[in-house]
N, C-alpha and C. Protein backbone atom coordinates (compact mmCIF):
# COMPACT_ATOMS: atom_id res chain seq x y z
N UNK A 1 88.47 115.69 72.41
CA UNK A 1 88.69 116.58 73.51
C UNK A 1 88.60 117.29 73.15
N UNK A 2 88.31 118.76 75.05
CA UNK A 2 88.59 120.12 74.70
C UNK A 2 89.84 120.73 74.51
N UNK A 3 90.20 121.71 74.12
CA UNK A 3 91.09 122.26 74.25
C UNK A 3 91.45 123.54 74.65
N UNK A 4 92.02 124.57 74.96
CA UNK A 4 92.10 125.68 75.28
C UNK A 4 93.09 126.91 75.20
N UNK A 5 92.90 127.64 74.53
CA UNK A 5 94.08 128.65 74.03
C UNK A 5 93.54 129.81 74.85
N UNK A 6 94.98 129.93 75.18
CA UNK A 6 94.90 131.64 76.31
C UNK A 6 95.69 132.70 76.15
N UNK A 7 95.03 133.67 75.68
CA UNK A 7 95.58 134.72 75.36
C UNK A 7 95.02 136.27 76.26
N UNK A 8 96.41 136.70 76.95
CA UNK A 8 96.80 137.18 77.61
C UNK A 8 96.87 139.49 77.39
N UNK A 9 95.28 139.98 76.86
CA UNK A 9 95.80 141.18 76.36
C UNK A 9 95.19 142.49 77.14
N UNK A 10 95.34 143.08 76.60
CA UNK A 10 95.24 144.71 77.30
C UNK A 10 96.25 144.88 79.10
N UNK A 11 96.21 146.62 79.17
CA UNK A 11 97.26 146.36 80.31
C UNK A 11 96.79 146.24 81.58
N UNK A 12 95.50 145.51 81.98
CA UNK A 12 94.78 144.81 82.91
C UNK A 12 95.15 143.65 82.55
N UNK A 13 95.88 142.92 81.93
CA UNK A 13 96.71 141.70 81.71
C UNK A 13 95.51 140.62 81.66
N UNK A 14 94.30 140.95 81.26
CA UNK A 14 93.07 139.83 80.64
C UNK A 14 92.98 138.76 80.53
N UNK A 15 93.27 137.85 80.91
CA UNK A 15 92.65 136.33 80.22
C UNK A 15 91.69 135.98 79.16
N UNK A 16 92.61 135.81 77.50
CA UNK A 16 90.88 135.45 76.70
C UNK A 16 91.23 134.22 76.28
N UNK A 17 90.15 133.29 76.27
CA UNK A 17 90.36 132.15 75.94
C UNK A 17 89.41 131.52 74.80
N UNK A 18 89.89 130.87 73.90
CA UNK A 18 89.65 130.01 72.86
C UNK A 18 89.01 129.07 73.48
N UNK A 19 87.99 128.37 73.02
CA UNK A 19 87.62 126.92 73.55
C UNK A 19 87.62 126.24 71.84
N UNK A 20 87.42 124.95 71.59
CA UNK A 20 87.31 124.05 70.79
C UNK A 20 87.47 123.00 70.93
N UNK A 21 87.14 121.68 69.96
CA UNK A 21 87.50 120.32 69.60
C UNK A 21 87.71 120.11 68.50
N UNK A 22 87.55 118.63 68.35
CA UNK A 22 88.10 118.17 66.95
C UNK A 22 87.10 118.34 66.04
N UNK A 23 85.49 119.04 66.49
CA UNK A 23 85.40 119.52 64.82
C UNK A 23 85.98 120.80 64.25
N UNK A 24 86.23 121.89 65.37
CA UNK A 24 87.36 122.89 65.12
C UNK A 24 86.38 123.77 65.25
N UNK A 25 84.96 123.93 65.85
CA UNK A 25 83.68 124.46 65.95
C UNK A 25 84.76 125.57 67.46
N UNK A 26 84.28 127.07 67.25
CA UNK A 26 85.21 127.30 68.73
C UNK A 26 84.63 128.63 69.12
N UNK A 27 84.39 128.30 70.54
CA UNK A 27 84.20 129.97 71.35
C UNK A 27 84.75 130.93 71.68
N UNK A 28 85.01 132.25 71.48
CA UNK A 28 86.21 132.58 72.06
C UNK A 28 85.31 133.23 73.56
N UNK A 29 85.92 133.83 74.89
CA UNK A 29 85.14 133.88 75.94
C UNK A 29 85.59 135.27 76.58
N UNK A 30 85.25 136.32 76.87
CA UNK A 30 85.59 137.35 77.34
C UNK A 30 86.89 137.64 76.67
N UNK A 31 86.75 138.36 75.24
CA UNK A 31 87.42 138.95 74.57
C UNK A 31 88.61 140.11 74.63
N UNK A 32 88.97 140.23 75.37
CA UNK A 32 90.13 141.41 75.49
C UNK A 32 90.55 142.19 74.65
N UNK A 33 91.08 142.15 73.87
CA UNK A 33 91.60 142.66 72.72
C UNK A 33 90.95 144.20 72.50
N UNK A 34 92.59 145.16 72.41
CA UNK A 34 91.95 146.55 72.10
C UNK A 34 92.75 146.99 71.40
N UNK A 35 94.39 146.73 71.50
CA UNK A 35 95.03 147.43 70.18
C UNK A 35 94.94 146.35 69.20
N UNK A 36 95.14 146.65 68.12
CA UNK A 36 95.33 145.99 66.69
C UNK A 36 95.85 144.82 66.30
N UNK A 37 97.59 144.77 67.22
CA UNK A 37 98.23 144.05 67.61
C UNK A 37 97.80 142.48 68.12
N UNK A 38 96.58 143.05 69.12
CA UNK A 38 95.90 142.07 69.80
C UNK A 38 94.59 141.30 69.11
N UNK A 39 93.95 142.48 67.95
CA UNK A 39 92.95 141.72 67.23
C UNK A 39 93.72 141.36 66.13
N UNK A 40 94.63 141.26 65.83
CA UNK A 40 95.62 139.75 64.85
C UNK A 40 95.85 138.85 65.54
N UNK A 41 96.33 139.16 66.47
CA UNK A 41 97.22 137.80 67.67
C UNK A 41 95.96 136.88 67.32
N UNK A 42 94.86 136.69 67.61
CA UNK A 42 93.69 136.27 67.94
C UNK A 42 93.05 135.86 66.58
N UNK A 43 93.32 136.89 66.01
CA UNK A 43 92.57 136.25 64.30
C UNK A 43 93.36 135.84 63.62
N UNK A 44 95.09 135.71 63.88
CA UNK A 44 95.98 134.89 63.22
C UNK A 44 95.67 133.40 63.71
N UNK A 45 95.72 133.28 64.85
CA UNK A 45 95.69 131.69 65.69
C UNK A 45 94.49 131.23 64.90
N UNK A 46 93.31 131.81 65.34
CA UNK A 46 92.52 131.03 64.65
C UNK A 46 91.74 130.68 63.54
N UNK A 47 92.23 131.85 62.46
CA UNK A 47 93.05 131.24 61.06
C UNK A 47 94.17 129.70 60.72
N UNK A 48 95.10 130.20 61.56
CA UNK A 48 95.61 128.88 61.32
C UNK A 48 95.42 128.13 62.04
N UNK A 49 94.66 127.77 62.86
CA UNK A 49 94.10 126.34 63.62
C UNK A 49 93.13 126.03 62.97
N UNK A 50 92.84 126.71 61.92
CA UNK A 50 91.41 126.47 60.95
C UNK A 50 90.09 126.23 61.79
N UNK A 51 89.99 127.06 62.93
CA UNK A 51 88.84 127.04 63.54
C UNK A 51 87.57 127.70 63.08
N UNK A 52 86.50 127.96 63.08
CA UNK A 52 84.95 127.88 62.86
C UNK A 52 84.86 128.63 64.32
N UNK A 53 84.56 130.05 64.23
CA UNK A 53 84.00 130.82 65.56
C UNK A 53 82.10 130.76 65.54
N UNK A 54 81.65 130.17 66.11
CA UNK A 54 80.40 129.80 66.91
C UNK A 54 79.34 130.61 67.80
N UNK A 55 80.40 131.01 69.01
CA UNK A 55 79.83 131.34 70.11
C UNK A 55 81.27 132.56 70.29
N UNK A 56 80.40 133.67 71.00
CA UNK A 56 80.89 134.66 71.80
C UNK A 56 80.46 134.84 73.65
N UNK A 57 81.24 134.52 74.30
CA UNK A 57 80.67 134.44 75.46
C UNK A 57 80.88 135.55 76.65
N UNK A 58 80.76 136.01 77.08
CA UNK A 58 80.66 136.97 78.65
C UNK A 58 80.99 136.22 79.74
N UNK A 59 81.84 136.08 80.42
CA UNK A 59 81.92 135.81 81.88
C UNK A 59 81.06 137.08 82.16
N UNK A 60 81.27 138.07 82.25
CA UNK A 60 80.58 139.30 82.94
C UNK A 60 81.23 140.63 82.04
N UNK A 61 80.36 141.62 82.36
CA UNK A 61 80.73 142.83 81.66
C UNK A 61 81.79 143.88 82.16
N UNK A 62 82.53 143.30 82.63
CA UNK A 62 83.58 144.57 82.83
C UNK A 62 84.77 144.47 81.68
N UNK A 63 84.73 145.97 82.16
CA UNK A 63 85.36 146.44 80.63
C UNK A 63 86.58 145.46 80.04
N UNK A 64 87.44 145.27 80.84
CA UNK A 64 88.87 144.61 80.86
C UNK A 64 88.03 142.98 80.11
N UNK A 65 87.24 142.59 79.53
CA UNK A 65 86.89 141.31 79.24
C UNK A 65 85.64 141.62 78.05
N UNK A 66 85.57 143.04 78.09
CA UNK A 66 84.73 142.96 76.87
C UNK A 66 85.20 144.14 75.69
N UNK A 67 86.52 144.11 75.74
CA UNK A 67 87.10 144.97 74.64
C UNK A 67 87.06 144.77 73.40
N UNK A 68 87.27 143.19 72.97
CA UNK A 68 87.28 143.51 71.69
C UNK A 68 85.97 142.68 71.20
N UNK A 69 84.68 142.70 71.89
CA UNK A 69 83.45 141.95 71.45
C UNK A 69 83.05 142.43 69.89
N UNK A 70 83.08 143.89 69.97
CA UNK A 70 82.54 144.60 68.86
C UNK A 70 83.52 143.60 67.62
N UNK A 71 84.81 143.50 67.76
CA UNK A 71 85.70 143.19 67.08
C UNK A 71 85.45 141.68 66.46
N UNK A 72 85.46 140.72 67.86
CA UNK A 72 84.82 139.79 67.34
C UNK A 72 83.47 139.77 66.39
N UNK A 73 82.73 140.08 67.05
CA UNK A 73 80.85 140.27 66.37
C UNK A 73 81.54 140.23 65.32
N UNK A 74 82.01 141.78 64.52
CA UNK A 74 82.13 142.16 62.89
C UNK A 74 82.67 141.09 62.64
N UNK A 75 83.91 140.98 62.92
CA UNK A 75 84.79 139.06 62.57
C UNK A 75 83.69 138.25 61.66
N UNK A 76 83.22 137.67 63.06
CA UNK A 76 82.76 136.66 62.69
C UNK A 76 81.22 135.98 62.71
N UNK A 77 80.56 137.40 62.94
CA UNK A 77 79.21 137.14 62.62
C UNK A 77 78.53 136.07 63.56
N UNK A 78 79.24 135.96 65.11
CA UNK A 78 77.96 135.47 66.40
C UNK A 78 77.78 136.53 67.22
N UNK A 79 76.69 135.78 67.75
CA UNK A 79 76.02 136.23 68.97
C UNK A 79 76.72 136.65 69.85
N UNK A 80 76.24 137.52 70.68
CA UNK A 80 76.80 137.62 71.83
C UNK A 80 76.18 136.98 73.38
N UNK A 81 76.75 136.38 73.98
CA UNK A 81 76.12 135.55 74.83
C UNK A 81 76.65 136.02 76.67
N UNK A 82 75.20 136.29 77.37
CA UNK A 82 75.79 137.49 78.56
C UNK A 82 74.64 136.92 79.65
N UNK A 83 75.13 136.68 81.09
CA UNK A 83 74.03 136.28 81.61
C UNK A 83 72.76 137.60 81.81
N UNK A 84 71.75 137.57 81.70
CA UNK A 84 70.90 139.09 81.91
C UNK A 84 70.96 140.40 82.65
N UNK A 85 71.61 139.78 83.90
CA UNK A 85 71.96 140.66 84.83
C UNK A 85 73.13 141.09 84.57
N UNK A 86 74.20 140.90 83.48
CA UNK A 86 75.10 141.62 83.23
C UNK A 86 74.82 142.85 82.06
N UNK A 87 73.73 142.47 81.75
CA UNK A 87 72.97 143.47 80.16
C UNK A 87 73.81 145.27 81.28
N UNK A 88 73.14 145.40 82.21
CA UNK A 88 73.83 147.14 82.13
C UNK A 88 74.87 146.91 82.99
N UNK A 89 75.57 146.20 83.26
CA UNK A 89 76.84 146.22 83.56
C UNK A 89 78.01 146.26 81.95
N UNK A 90 77.40 145.41 80.71
CA UNK A 90 78.17 146.34 80.03
C UNK A 90 78.35 147.53 79.40
N UNK A 91 76.32 147.87 79.71
CA UNK A 91 76.50 148.57 79.04
C UNK A 91 77.23 150.23 79.54
N UNK A 92 77.11 149.71 81.04
CA UNK A 92 78.18 151.10 81.86
C UNK A 92 79.16 150.93 81.21
N UNK A 93 80.20 150.06 80.92
CA UNK A 93 81.15 150.11 80.45
C UNK A 93 81.78 151.39 79.68
N UNK A 94 80.66 151.59 78.51
CA UNK A 94 81.00 152.86 77.63
C UNK A 94 81.27 153.90 78.51
N UNK A 95 80.85 154.34 79.79
CA UNK A 95 80.35 155.73 80.51
C UNK A 95 81.91 155.76 81.32
N UNK A 96 82.44 154.53 81.31
CA UNK A 96 83.89 154.79 81.95
C UNK A 96 85.28 153.80 81.58
N UNK A 97 85.27 153.66 80.09
CA UNK A 97 86.26 153.20 79.24
C UNK A 97 87.32 154.05 79.13
N UNK A 98 87.23 155.46 78.80
CA UNK A 98 88.16 155.89 79.27
C UNK A 98 88.71 156.15 79.91
N UNK A 99 88.26 156.49 80.95
CA UNK A 99 89.14 156.71 82.48
C UNK A 99 90.00 155.46 82.69
N UNK A 100 89.74 154.49 81.99
CA UNK A 100 90.45 153.09 82.55
C UNK A 100 91.80 153.42 81.45
N UNK A 101 91.73 154.07 80.12
CA UNK A 101 92.68 154.22 79.04
C UNK A 101 92.14 153.24 77.96
N UNK A 102 91.08 153.39 78.06
CA UNK A 102 90.10 152.76 76.85
C UNK A 102 89.50 153.81 75.89
N UNK A 103 89.81 154.79 75.54
CA UNK A 103 89.06 155.90 74.89
C UNK A 103 88.38 154.99 73.76
N UNK A 104 88.73 154.31 72.79
CA UNK A 104 88.37 153.78 70.95
C UNK A 104 87.50 152.68 71.43
N UNK A 105 87.68 152.35 72.74
CA UNK A 105 86.35 151.02 72.77
C UNK A 105 85.14 151.05 72.31
N UNK A 106 84.60 150.02 71.42
CA UNK A 106 83.79 150.43 70.83
C UNK A 106 82.43 149.25 71.49
N UNK A 107 81.24 149.67 71.71
CA UNK A 107 80.24 148.58 72.68
C UNK A 107 79.66 147.40 71.79
N UNK A 108 79.35 146.47 72.19
CA UNK A 108 78.93 145.33 71.24
C UNK A 108 77.58 145.01 71.72
N UNK A 109 76.45 144.72 71.14
CA UNK A 109 74.97 144.40 72.13
C UNK A 109 75.44 142.87 72.43
N UNK A 110 74.61 142.47 73.50
CA UNK A 110 74.16 140.98 73.77
C UNK A 110 73.16 140.10 72.64
N UNK A 111 72.80 139.36 72.51
CA UNK A 111 72.32 138.72 71.82
C UNK A 111 71.24 137.61 72.26
N UNK A 112 71.88 136.62 72.70
CA UNK A 112 71.35 136.10 73.58
C UNK A 112 71.59 135.51 75.28
N UNK A 113 70.81 135.37 75.96
CA UNK A 113 71.05 134.97 77.55
C UNK A 113 71.47 133.93 77.87
N UNK A 114 72.21 133.96 79.00
CA UNK A 114 72.87 132.29 79.36
C UNK A 114 72.02 132.07 80.87
N UNK A 115 71.40 131.13 80.88
CA UNK A 115 70.66 130.74 81.73
C UNK A 115 71.29 129.99 82.71
N UNK A 116 71.72 130.45 83.72
CA UNK A 116 72.03 129.08 84.98
C UNK A 116 71.46 127.80 85.35
N UNK A 117 72.66 126.70 85.47
CA UNK A 117 71.99 125.82 85.26
C UNK A 117 71.40 124.54 83.60
N UNK A 118 71.94 125.68 83.05
CA UNK A 118 71.73 124.67 81.50
C UNK A 118 72.73 124.85 81.01
N UNK A 119 73.10 123.96 79.87
CA UNK A 119 73.85 123.36 78.71
C UNK A 119 74.24 124.06 78.08
N UNK A 120 75.92 124.46 77.41
CA UNK A 120 76.01 125.37 75.92
C UNK A 120 76.74 124.48 75.67
N UNK A 121 76.60 124.22 74.13
CA UNK A 121 77.51 123.13 73.58
C UNK A 121 78.35 123.74 72.14
N UNK A 122 79.71 123.28 72.60
CA UNK A 122 80.86 124.12 71.24
C UNK A 122 81.15 123.14 70.43
N UNK A 123 81.13 122.93 69.14
CA UNK A 123 81.32 121.63 69.00
C UNK A 123 80.33 120.53 69.41
N UNK A 124 81.31 119.49 69.63
CA UNK A 124 80.33 118.62 70.64
C UNK A 124 80.69 117.97 72.14
N UNK A 125 81.23 119.60 72.20
CA UNK A 125 81.21 119.42 73.88
C UNK A 125 80.66 120.57 74.44
N UNK A 126 80.00 119.75 75.51
CA UNK A 126 79.21 120.56 76.52
C UNK A 126 79.38 121.07 77.68
N UNK A 127 79.11 122.39 77.86
CA UNK A 127 79.35 123.24 79.25
C UNK A 127 78.05 122.95 79.99
N UNK A 128 78.45 123.50 81.03
CA UNK A 128 77.44 123.36 82.30
C UNK A 128 77.42 124.83 82.28
N UNK A 129 76.49 125.34 82.71
CA UNK A 129 76.66 127.30 82.92
C UNK A 129 76.46 127.53 84.37
N UNK A 130 77.68 127.90 85.11
CA UNK A 130 77.29 127.98 86.40
C UNK A 130 76.92 129.43 86.63
N UNK A 131 76.30 129.80 87.74
CA UNK A 131 75.42 130.60 88.66
C UNK A 131 76.74 131.24 89.57
N UNK A 132 78.15 132.64 88.97
CA UNK A 132 78.34 132.40 90.11
C UNK A 132 78.48 134.07 90.30
N UNK A 133 77.39 134.56 91.25
CA UNK A 133 77.91 136.23 91.63
C UNK A 133 78.76 136.43 92.45
N UNK A 134 78.87 137.94 92.72
CA UNK A 134 79.83 138.48 93.95
C UNK A 134 80.38 139.47 93.09
N UNK A 135 81.70 138.92 92.10
CA UNK A 135 82.08 139.86 92.05
C UNK A 135 81.72 140.92 90.71
N UNK A 136 80.87 139.76 89.79
CA UNK A 136 79.57 140.97 89.13
C UNK A 136 78.26 140.19 89.38
N UNK A 137 77.12 141.27 89.33
CA UNK A 137 75.48 139.98 89.64
C UNK A 137 75.37 139.24 88.98
N UNK A 138 75.73 139.29 87.48
CA UNK A 138 75.35 138.09 86.91
C UNK A 138 76.48 137.48 86.07
N UNK A 139 77.57 137.25 87.11
CA UNK A 139 78.48 136.71 86.44
C UNK A 139 78.57 135.00 86.61
N UNK A 140 78.74 134.43 85.40
CA UNK A 140 78.90 132.83 85.34
C UNK A 140 80.29 132.31 84.81
N UNK A 141 80.06 131.37 85.33
CA UNK A 141 81.46 129.72 84.47
C UNK A 141 81.05 129.11 84.09
N UNK A 142 82.25 128.48 83.09
CA UNK A 142 81.48 127.60 82.48
C UNK A 142 82.07 126.18 82.42
N UNK A 143 81.25 125.34 83.01
CA UNK A 143 81.90 123.89 83.70
C UNK A 143 82.42 122.95 82.18
N UNK A 144 83.36 122.01 82.04
CA UNK A 144 83.16 120.77 81.16
C UNK A 144 83.45 120.05 82.18
N UNK A 145 82.62 118.81 81.98
CA UNK A 145 83.04 117.67 83.25
C UNK A 145 83.66 116.96 82.70
N UNK A 146 83.74 116.45 81.62
CA UNK A 146 84.72 115.30 81.17
C UNK A 146 86.05 115.80 81.16
N UNK A 147 86.24 117.18 81.12
CA UNK A 147 88.01 117.51 80.77
C UNK A 147 88.20 117.82 81.83
N UNK A 148 87.58 118.12 83.03
CA UNK A 148 87.51 118.40 84.52
C UNK A 148 88.03 120.34 84.25
N UNK A 149 87.16 120.88 83.51
CA UNK A 149 87.79 122.47 83.20
C UNK A 149 86.86 123.46 83.60
N UNK A 150 87.17 124.54 83.94
CA UNK A 150 86.20 125.39 84.55
C UNK A 150 86.97 126.73 84.19
N UNK A 151 85.80 127.57 83.33
CA UNK A 151 86.70 129.02 83.02
C UNK A 151 85.97 129.61 84.08
N UNK A 152 86.71 130.54 85.01
CA UNK A 152 86.12 131.02 86.09
C UNK A 152 85.70 132.40 86.01
N UNK A 153 85.70 132.93 84.68
CA UNK A 153 86.33 134.53 84.85
C UNK A 153 86.96 134.84 86.51
N UNK A 154 86.53 136.34 87.02
CA UNK A 154 86.77 136.93 87.75
C UNK A 154 86.86 136.41 89.35
N UNK A 155 85.77 135.39 89.41
CA UNK A 155 85.61 134.77 90.47
C UNK A 155 86.55 134.51 91.56
N UNK A 156 87.61 133.53 91.25
CA UNK A 156 88.37 132.94 91.35
C UNK A 156 89.97 133.06 90.67
N UNK A 157 90.72 133.64 91.85
CA UNK A 157 91.96 133.03 90.95
C UNK A 157 93.26 132.26 91.67
N UNK A 158 94.29 131.94 91.21
CA UNK A 158 95.35 131.24 91.87
C UNK A 158 95.50 132.23 93.59
N UNK A 159 95.19 131.54 94.38
CA UNK A 159 95.39 132.25 95.81
C UNK A 159 94.58 133.21 95.59
N UNK A 160 93.78 133.70 95.40
CA UNK A 160 92.88 135.18 95.56
C UNK A 160 91.77 134.85 94.33
N UNK A 161 90.91 136.51 94.82
CA UNK A 161 89.52 136.34 94.88
C UNK A 161 89.27 137.34 93.76
N UNK A 162 88.35 137.04 93.78
CA UNK A 162 87.95 139.02 93.11
C UNK A 162 87.63 139.99 93.46
N UNK A 163 87.79 141.20 92.94
CA UNK A 163 87.63 142.54 93.90
C UNK A 163 85.78 142.52 93.97
N UNK A 164 85.24 143.05 94.65
CA UNK A 164 83.83 143.55 95.37
C UNK A 164 83.64 144.49 95.52
N UNK A 165 84.59 145.66 95.16
CA UNK A 165 84.53 147.07 95.48
C UNK A 165 83.92 147.64 94.59
N UNK A 166 83.33 147.42 93.27
CA UNK A 166 82.79 148.02 92.27
C UNK A 166 80.91 147.95 91.83
N UNK A 167 80.81 148.35 91.61
CA UNK A 167 78.99 148.56 91.51
C UNK A 167 79.12 147.05 90.93
N UNK A 168 77.57 146.43 91.99
CA UNK A 168 77.33 144.79 91.75
C UNK A 168 77.60 144.35 92.85
N UNK A 169 78.84 144.38 93.55
CA UNK A 169 79.46 143.06 93.83
C UNK A 169 79.15 143.30 95.27
N UNK A 170 79.25 142.03 95.92
CA UNK A 170 79.08 141.57 97.22
C UNK A 170 79.67 140.32 97.89
N UNK A 171 80.33 140.73 98.96
CA UNK A 171 81.79 140.07 99.36
C UNK A 171 81.11 138.63 100.19
N UNK A 172 79.90 138.82 100.55
CA UNK A 172 79.12 137.52 100.90
C UNK A 172 79.01 136.76 99.64
N UNK A 173 78.13 137.26 98.91
CA UNK A 173 77.72 136.39 97.69
C UNK A 173 78.64 135.91 97.11
N UNK A 174 79.97 136.26 96.98
CA UNK A 174 81.34 136.03 96.16
C UNK A 174 81.48 134.80 96.94
N UNK A 175 81.92 135.10 98.19
CA UNK A 175 82.31 133.68 99.07
C UNK A 175 81.09 132.51 98.75
N UNK A 176 79.76 132.93 98.88
CA UNK A 176 78.61 132.14 98.64
C UNK A 176 78.81 130.87 97.11
N UNK A 177 79.27 132.27 96.42
CA UNK A 177 79.42 131.53 95.43
C UNK A 177 81.13 130.21 94.87
N UNK A 178 81.77 130.67 95.60
CA UNK A 178 83.27 129.88 95.66
C UNK A 178 83.25 129.03 96.74
N UNK A 179 81.91 128.96 97.35
CA UNK A 179 82.02 127.62 98.57
C UNK A 179 81.36 126.85 97.74
N UNK A 180 80.06 127.20 97.50
CA UNK A 180 78.48 126.49 96.94
C UNK A 180 78.76 125.89 95.37
N UNK A 181 79.86 126.77 94.84
CA UNK A 181 79.73 126.60 93.33
C UNK A 181 81.34 126.31 93.41
N UNK A 182 82.25 126.76 93.29
CA UNK A 182 83.47 126.84 92.83
C UNK A 182 84.09 125.37 93.27
N UNK A 183 83.79 125.07 94.32
CA UNK A 183 84.53 124.48 95.77
C UNK A 183 83.61 123.06 95.79
N UNK A 184 82.10 123.05 94.99
CA UNK A 184 81.27 121.68 95.21
C UNK A 184 82.12 120.69 94.05
N UNK A 185 83.43 121.63 93.23
CA UNK A 185 83.95 120.62 92.28
C UNK A 185 84.51 119.29 92.26
N UNK A 186 85.02 118.88 91.63
CA UNK A 186 86.19 117.99 91.97
C UNK A 186 87.35 118.56 92.44
N UNK A 187 88.63 118.41 92.91
CA UNK A 187 89.46 118.71 93.35
C UNK A 187 90.52 118.77 91.80
N UNK A 188 90.48 117.99 91.13
CA UNK A 188 91.59 117.85 89.96
C UNK A 188 90.50 119.11 89.40
N UNK A 189 89.54 119.69 88.91
CA UNK A 189 89.39 120.27 87.77
C UNK A 189 90.34 121.74 87.87
N UNK A 190 90.76 121.83 86.93
CA UNK A 190 91.74 122.82 86.28
C UNK A 190 91.24 124.27 86.35
N UNK A 191 91.06 125.14 87.16
CA UNK A 191 90.59 126.36 86.82
C UNK A 191 91.21 127.11 85.51
N UNK A 192 90.75 127.75 85.00
CA UNK A 192 91.13 129.09 84.17
C UNK A 192 90.69 130.39 84.33
N UNK A 193 91.16 130.84 85.18
CA UNK A 193 90.76 132.46 85.22
C UNK A 193 90.99 133.07 84.61
N UNK A 194 90.20 134.56 84.90
CA UNK A 194 89.93 136.16 84.11
C UNK A 194 91.59 136.47 84.11
N UNK A 195 92.44 136.28 85.26
CA UNK A 195 93.90 136.98 85.45
C UNK A 195 94.40 136.31 86.15
N UNK A 196 95.48 136.30 85.35
CA UNK A 196 96.76 135.22 85.99
C UNK A 196 96.95 133.49 85.70
N UNK A 197 97.47 132.86 86.54
CA UNK A 197 97.72 131.63 85.80
C UNK A 197 96.84 130.59 86.19
N UNK A 198 97.08 129.47 85.22
CA UNK A 198 95.70 128.40 85.96
C UNK A 198 96.39 127.94 87.17
N UNK A 199 95.22 127.28 87.87
CA UNK A 199 95.45 126.95 89.03
C UNK A 199 94.34 125.64 89.48
N UNK A 200 94.02 124.99 90.34
CA UNK A 200 93.17 123.64 90.65
C UNK A 200 92.02 123.81 91.67
N UNK A 201 91.07 123.55 92.08
CA UNK A 201 90.09 123.27 92.84
C UNK A 201 90.79 122.98 93.95
N UNK A 202 91.03 121.70 93.89
CA UNK A 202 91.92 121.60 95.27
C UNK A 202 93.15 122.63 96.06
N UNK A 203 94.14 123.15 95.24
CA UNK A 203 94.85 124.51 94.95
C UNK A 203 93.95 124.88 95.97
N UNK A 204 92.91 125.36 95.30
CA UNK A 204 92.50 126.26 96.13
C UNK A 204 91.64 126.36 97.29
N UNK A 205 90.87 125.28 97.31
CA UNK A 205 90.30 124.72 98.81
C UNK A 205 91.27 124.52 100.41
N UNK A 206 92.67 124.45 99.43
CA UNK A 206 93.53 124.12 100.58
C UNK A 206 94.47 125.61 100.99
N UNK A 207 94.85 125.89 99.25
CA UNK A 207 96.01 127.20 99.83
C UNK A 207 95.26 128.81 99.99
N UNK A 208 94.16 128.43 99.52
CA UNK A 208 93.69 130.16 98.89
C UNK A 208 93.58 130.85 100.38
N UNK A 209 94.03 131.67 100.77
CA UNK A 209 94.13 132.35 102.16
C UNK A 209 92.70 133.52 102.66
N UNK A 210 91.73 133.81 100.98
CA UNK A 210 90.67 134.27 101.49
C UNK A 210 89.34 133.88 101.20
N UNK A 211 89.40 132.14 100.91
CA UNK A 211 88.14 132.07 100.95
C UNK A 211 88.66 130.05 101.12
N UNK A 212 89.67 129.15 100.90
CA UNK A 212 90.12 128.38 101.43
C UNK A 212 90.75 128.07 102.63
N UNK A 213 90.77 126.85 103.48
CA UNK A 213 91.21 126.00 104.05
C UNK A 213 92.24 126.95 105.18
N UNK A 214 93.57 128.21 104.71
CA UNK A 214 94.78 128.67 105.32
C UNK A 214 93.62 130.26 105.32
N UNK A 215 92.33 130.27 105.33
CA UNK A 215 92.15 131.14 105.68
C UNK A 215 91.27 131.13 106.93
N UNK A 216 91.14 129.88 107.58
CA UNK A 216 90.72 129.56 108.64
C UNK A 216 91.50 129.21 109.75
N UNK A 217 93.05 129.03 109.30
CA UNK A 217 93.61 128.93 110.19
C UNK A 217 94.29 129.72 111.03
């Protein structure tokens, strides 16, 4: 059975996720750890739980989601997976990191590309890679059908949506990603977003004031 451990890191309160199953193989999704204390918190959890990190995955390349990439690669010697359209977004983070308060940011290069419509297996648990652009041009989500779990990054939040005023963002594309991608999933699917609390597909379809039924009342 899939297990999801959540950490909230850095001043932008980004959600970092560790996904693992009974095999004790784990993936780290969007490591936002920046301070040493945050790195230690993540490392201690993985050690105490007896997990072996096999994957490092970015849903997208914005600075708050990639601050810990170098730390994870250096510590666990795992490849970094991103969508190819996110490579320039990830590379650009170096130029503006200090402006966001992260002068000690260490960049990390991607190693593997994530192709939408394909699967990625962590331990014995298979995830479908969903292409969900709009907040960022190569934004992806990870959907686990049996557990009814979606790691959504910054596409959709509890009664909110990702911003589209950053380079590569587009409102129409974001709405399409949500309505045709996320909202096509069963209502009971639990959404683990890049910021804020968990929610469900059904909750957001009914009550999200930007893209749900509440938006057209």
